[in-house]
């Protein structure tokens, strides 16, 4: 059973060298158990700060993050993180299988069980034959698949993904988007996916959270009422896809202009 993720009244203020910067003002939202939610917002709106607080890597000034009803006060055992810079998250001197297995050593699993999880995770991302290779022998897209496999092998309740496809080419990005949706549907993991790409957010998510400019609040929570079965050709040319991406784009532009959040704005049809 996977866990829900609750962010309640989250606020983060950085202080030092005579300066005080309010990065996140008042963020409140929920990612339901087994839901895939995408988060977008203007550059510099505090997405990285938010993720660090959610992952227990940064203490909020006020408010809290709950994972499965338990307050996050440090890196929680039920959470995995996939970073944008896969080249820096994989150890080049370790083989692919060893990279995927590394976090499992903290769980005190037996060698046989660790090996089963590694094999299953690599098969899930289409890299069953790559366990003996080194990361530097793989393409960028394949390296990011390794990073995803490492997160899957950990058997997380919640998966945080921080712009994981920003550094790969467009064709590889489309393949990885489909991979994430396929793995999410198969495994039912709770996923929060952060991206700058509006089309990607609408294509992937069951819901899109649009953030304001810093100091950050949630501008809108948009339900993505596209069919559950999606593909790169038909979904992206559907009229409803265009309507949804237009709505998200409008909200981000409004955030850049500093327009206030309209609390009772009617939802898009």
Protein backbone atom coordinates (compact mmCIF):
# COMPACT_ATOMS: atom_id res chain seq x y z
CA UNK A 1 0.00 0.00 0.00
CA UNK A 2 1.54 3.29 -1.09
CA UNK A 3 1.36 6.48 0.94
CA UNK A 4 -0.11 9.92 0.41
CA UNK A 5 2.05 13.02 0.56
CA UNK A 6 0.67 16.09 2.35
CA UNK A 7 2.25 19.55 2.34
CA UNK A 8 0.62 21.82 4.92
CA UNK A 9 1.33 25.53 5.33
CA UNK A 10 4.93 25.07 4.20
CA UNK A 11 7.08 28.21 4.50
CA UNK A 12 10.81 28.60 4.05
CA UNK A 13 12.84 31.73 4.77
CA UNK A 14 16.58 31.93 4.13
CA UNK A 15 18.51 34.25 6.43
CA UNK A 16 22.18 35.18 6.43
CA UNK A 17 24.71 37.89 5.62
CA UNK A 18 22.17 40.54 6.58
CA UNK A 19 19.64 39.29 4.03
CA UNK A 20 16.27 37.63 4.49
CA UNK A 21 14.68 35.85 1.52
CA UNK A 22 11.25 34.28 1.69
CA UNK A 23 11.47 31.45 -0.87
CA UNK A 24 8.21 29.67 -0.10
CA UNK A 25 5.36 31.54 1.59
CA UNK A 26 2.44 29.17 2.19
CA UNK A 27 2.23 25.94 0.24
CA UNK A 28 -0.58 23.51 0.93
CA UNK A 29 -1.49 20.57 -1.28
CA UNK A 30 -1.93 16.81 -1.21
CA UNK A 31 -0.72 14.06 -3.53
CA UNK A 32 -3.04 11.11 -2.96
CA UNK A 33 -1.70 7.59 -2.60
CA UNK A 34 -1.01 6.16 -6.05
CA UNK A 35 -1.49 9.51 -7.83
CA UNK A 36 0.87 11.06 -10.41
CA UNK A 37 0.96 14.83 -9.98
CA UNK A 38 3.07 17.25 -12.02
CA UNK A 39 4.26 20.55 -10.60
CA UNK A 40 5.14 23.55 -12.78
CA UNK A 41 5.87 27.21 -12.18
CA UNK A 42 8.01 30.12 -13.35
CA UNK A 43 11.79 29.93 -12.98
CA UNK A 44 12.99 30.74 -9.48
CA UNK A 45 9.63 30.03 -7.87
CA UNK A 46 11.03 27.76 -5.17
CA UNK A 47 10.49 24.30 -6.68
CA UNK A 48 13.91 23.07 -5.54
CA UNK A 49 13.40 24.44 -2.05
CA UNK A 50 10.01 22.72 -1.90
CA UNK A 51 11.46 19.37 -3.00
CA UNK A 52 14.30 19.56 -0.48
CA UNK A 53 11.78 20.18 2.29
CA UNK A 54 9.60 17.32 1.09
CA UNK A 55 12.58 14.96 0.94
CA UNK A 56 13.66 15.86 4.47
CA UNK A 57 16.88 17.48 3.22
CA UNK A 58 15.90 20.97 4.38
CA UNK A 59 13.94 21.99 7.47
CA UNK A 60 11.00 24.34 6.74
CA UNK A 61 10.67 27.57 8.65
CA UNK A 62 7.07 26.63 9.42
CA UNK A 63 4.49 24.14 8.27
CA UNK A 64 5.07 20.46 7.70
CA UNK A 65 5.28 17.59 5.24
CA UNK A 66 3.51 14.32 6.02
CA UNK A 67 4.29 11.01 4.33
CA UNK A 68 1.62 8.42 5.04
CA UNK A 69 0.52 10.47 8.05
CA UNK A 70 4.05 10.66 9.50
CA UNK A 71 5.86 13.97 9.74
CA UNK A 72 8.98 14.24 7.58
CA UNK A 73 11.89 15.46 9.72
CA UNK A 74 14.71 13.81 7.77
CA UNK A 75 15.04 11.64 4.64
CA UNK A 76 12.13 9.19 5.07
CA UNK A 77 12.70 5.49 4.34
CA UNK A 78 9.63 5.31 2.09
CA UNK A 79 10.77 7.94 -0.40
CA UNK A 80 13.08 7.90 -3.43
CA UNK A 81 14.42 10.83 -5.45
CA UNK A 82 15.36 11.03 -9.15
CA UNK A 83 17.51 14.06 -9.95
CA UNK A 84 17.94 16.02 -13.15
CA UNK A 85 21.72 15.55 -13.31
CA UNK A 86 21.96 11.78 -13.77
CA UNK A 87 25.68 12.09 -14.55
CA UNK A 88 26.31 13.32 -11.02
CA UNK A 89 23.94 10.90 -9.29
CA UNK A 90 25.55 7.74 -10.69
CA UNK A 91 29.02 6.60 -9.61
CA UNK A 92 31.14 6.18 -12.77
CA UNK A 93 33.52 3.67 -11.16
CA UNK A 94 30.64 1.33 -10.24
CA UNK A 95 28.86 -0.91 -12.73
CA UNK A 96 25.19 -0.30 -13.48
CA UNK A 97 24.01 -3.18 -11.30
CA UNK A 98 26.13 -1.93 -8.39
CA UNK A 99 24.74 1.60 -8.77
CA UNK A 100 21.18 0.27 -8.63
CA UNK A 101 21.96 -1.97 -5.65
CA UNK A 102 23.75 0.65 -3.55
CA UNK A 103 20.73 2.16 -1.69
CA UNK A 104 19.46 -1.35 -0.90
CA UNK A 105 22.41 -1.95 1.40
CA UNK A 106 20.84 0.50 3.87
CA UNK A 107 17.75 -1.72 4.09
CA UNK A 108 19.78 -4.68 5.41
CA UNK A 109 18.41 -7.04 2.77
CA UNK A 110 20.10 -10.32 1.96
CA UNK A 111 22.27 -10.56 -1.14
CA UNK A 112 19.77 -12.75 -3.01
CA UNK A 113 16.88 -10.33 -2.39
CA UNK A 114 19.00 -7.34 -3.40
CA UNK A 115 19.92 -9.09 -6.63
CA UNK A 116 16.25 -9.89 -7.35
CA UNK A 117 15.27 -6.26 -6.90
CA UNK A 118 18.10 -5.03 -9.14
CA UNK A 119 17.23 -7.47 -11.92
CA UNK A 120 13.52 -6.59 -11.73
CA UNK A 121 14.19 -2.83 -11.77
CA UNK A 122 16.57 -2.99 -14.75
CA UNK A 123 14.12 -5.16 -16.66
CA UNK A 124 11.36 -2.64 -15.90
CA UNK A 125 13.30 0.18 -17.57
CA UNK A 126 14.46 -1.91 -20.53
CA UNK A 127 18.06 -2.36 -19.40
CA UNK A 128 18.11 -6.05 -18.49
CA UNK A 129 21.45 -6.57 -20.28
CA UNK A 130 23.22 -3.48 -18.95
CA UNK A 131 24.02 -4.57 -15.37
CA UNK A 132 27.69 -5.20 -16.13
CA UNK A 133 28.29 -1.93 -18.00
CA UNK A 134 29.64 1.29 -16.53
CA UNK A 135 27.43 4.42 -16.65
CA UNK A 136 29.90 6.23 -18.91
CA UNK A 137 29.44 3.49 -21.52
CA UNK A 138 25.73 4.34 -21.83
CA UNK A 139 23.87 7.17 -23.55
CA UNK A 140 22.34 9.98 -21.49
CA UNK A 141 18.86 8.50 -21.81
CA UNK A 142 20.09 5.08 -20.69
CA UNK A 143 21.88 6.63 -17.71
CA UNK A 144 18.65 8.29 -16.63
CA UNK A 145 16.91 4.91 -16.96
CA UNK A 146 19.53 3.55 -14.56
CA UNK A 147 18.72 6.36 -12.11
CA UNK A 148 15.01 5.49 -12.37
CA UNK A 149 15.79 1.79 -11.90
CA UNK A 150 17.74 2.58 -8.74
CA UNK A 151 14.72 4.42 -7.35
CA UNK A 152 12.37 1.56 -8.29
CA UNK A 153 14.60 -1.09 -6.73
CA UNK A 154 14.30 0.76 -3.42
CA UNK A 155 10.54 -0.03 -3.51
CA UNK A 156 9.48 3.49 -2.47
CA UNK A 157 6.03 4.55 -1.36
CA UNK A 158 6.62 7.99 -2.92
CA UNK A 159 8.85 8.96 -5.84
CA UNK A 160 10.02 12.57 -6.25
CA UNK A 161 11.33 13.47 -9.72
CA UNK A 162 13.11 16.80 -10.18
CA UNK A 163 13.11 17.72 -13.89
CA UNK A 164 14.57 14.29 -14.66
CA UNK A 165 14.43 14.61 -18.47
CA UNK A 166 15.69 18.17 -18.91
CA UNK A 167 19.16 17.08 -20.06
CA UNK A 168 18.15 14.56 -22.75
CA UNK A 169 17.13 15.05 -26.38
CA UNK A 170 13.49 15.39 -27.45
CA UNK A 171 13.07 11.84 -28.77
CA UNK A 172 14.60 10.29 -25.66
CA UNK A 173 12.47 12.56 -23.50
CA UNK A 174 9.29 11.28 -25.16
CA UNK A 175 10.39 7.68 -24.57
CA UNK A 176 11.16 8.39 -20.91
CA UNK A 177 7.80 10.13 -20.40
CA UNK A 178 6.03 7.01 -21.65
CA UNK A 179 8.26 4.88 -19.44
CA UNK A 180 7.27 6.86 -16.33
CA UNK A 181 3.55 6.56 -17.07
CA UNK A 182 3.93 2.85 -17.77
CA UNK A 183 5.85 2.22 -14.54
CA UNK A 184 3.46 4.37 -12.53
CA UNK A 185 0.42 2.47 -13.80
CA UNK A 186 2.10 -0.90 -13.26
CA UNK A 187 3.47 -0.25 -9.78
CA UNK A 188 0.99 2.29 -8.40
CA UNK A 189 3.69 4.46 -6.81
CA UNK A 190 2.77 7.94 -5.60
CA UNK A 191 4.70 10.31 -7.89
CA UNK A 192 5.39 14.05 -7.72
CA UNK A 193 7.04 15.11 -10.98
CA UNK A 194 8.57 18.59 -11.23
CA UNK A 195 9.11 20.03 -14.70
CA UNK A 196 9.49 23.32 -16.58
CA UNK A 197 7.84 21.79 -19.65
CA UNK A 198 4.11 22.58 -19.78
CA UNK A 199 3.35 19.95 -22.42
CA UNK A 200 5.18 17.32 -20.39
CA UNK A 201 3.20 18.21 -17.27
CA UNK A 202 -0.14 17.87 -19.07
CA UNK A 203 0.89 14.68 -20.87
CA UNK A 204 2.14 12.90 -17.74
CA UNK A 205 -0.02 14.07 -14.88
CA UNK A 206 -3.39 13.16 -13.49
CA UNK A 207 -3.25 16.63 -11.97
CA UNK A 208 -1.05 19.70 -12.55
CA UNK A 209 -0.14 22.06 -9.71
CA UNK A 210 0.76 25.54 -10.97
CA UNK A 211 2.93 27.57 -8.59
CA UNK A 212 3.13 31.34 -8.32
CA UNK A 213 6.32 33.37 -8.55
CA UNK A 214 8.43 33.54 -5.38
CA UNK A 215 7.45 33.74 -2.55
CA UNK A 216 5.51 30.71 -3.67
CA UNK A 217 1.92 29.63 -3.22
CA UNK A 218 -0.24 27.30 -5.33
CA UNK A 219 -1.96 29.31 -8.09
CA UNK A 220 -4.12 26.48 -9.39
CA UNK A 221 -4.68 22.75 -9.13
CA UNK A 222 -5.77 21.53 -12.55
CA UNK A 223 -7.32 18.10 -13.08
CA UNK A 224 -6.07 16.51 -16.31
CA UNK A 225 -9.16 14.80 -17.70
CA UNK A 226 -7.40 13.08 -20.59
CA UNK A 227 -7.86 9.35 -21.27
CA UNK A 228 -5.81 7.05 -19.07
CA UNK A 229 -4.25 5.50 -22.16
CA UNK A 230 -1.98 8.16 -23.68
CA UNK A 231 0.52 8.20 -26.53
CA UNK A 232 2.80 10.83 -27.97
CA UNK A 233 1.03 11.05 -31.34
CA UNK A 234 -2.69 11.13 -30.57
CA UNK A 235 -2.74 12.64 -27.07
CA UNK A 236 -0.69 15.72 -27.94
CA UNK A 237 -2.92 16.68 -30.90
CA UNK A 238 -6.19 16.19 -29.01
CA UNK A 239 -8.27 19.39 -28.58
CA UNK A 240 -8.55 18.83 -24.84
CA UNK A 241 -4.76 18.58 -24.53
CA UNK A 242 -4.46 21.98 -26.23
CA UNK A 243 -7.05 23.49 -23.88
CA UNK A 244 -5.27 22.19 -20.80
CA UNK A 245 -1.79 23.29 -21.87
CA UNK A 246 -3.19 26.74 -22.76
CA UNK A 247 -4.69 27.04 -19.29
CA UNK A 248 -1.39 26.12 -17.61
CA UNK A 249 0.52 28.52 -19.86
CA UNK A 250 -1.88 31.35 -19.01
CA UNK A 251 -1.43 30.72 -15.29
CA UNK A 252 2.36 30.70 -15.52
CA UNK A 253 2.36 33.95 -17.51
CA UNK A 254 0.05 35.48 -14.90
CA UNK A 255 2.48 34.34 -12.20
CA UNK A 256 5.38 36.01 -14.04
CA UNK A 257 3.40 39.25 -14.18
CA UNK A 258 2.80 39.02 -10.45
CA UNK A 259 -0.97 38.86 -10.78
CA UNK A 260 -2.71 37.83 -7.54
CA UNK A 261 -4.12 34.35 -7.15
CA UNK A 262 -7.90 34.29 -7.71
CA UNK A 263 -9.21 32.02 -4.99
CA UNK A 264 -12.65 31.34 -6.52
CA UNK A 265 -11.73 31.27 -10.18
CA UNK A 266 -14.00 28.92 -12.16
CA UNK A 267 -12.25 25.73 -13.28
CA UNK A 268 -11.59 25.26 -17.00
CA UNK A 269 -14.27 23.23 -18.68
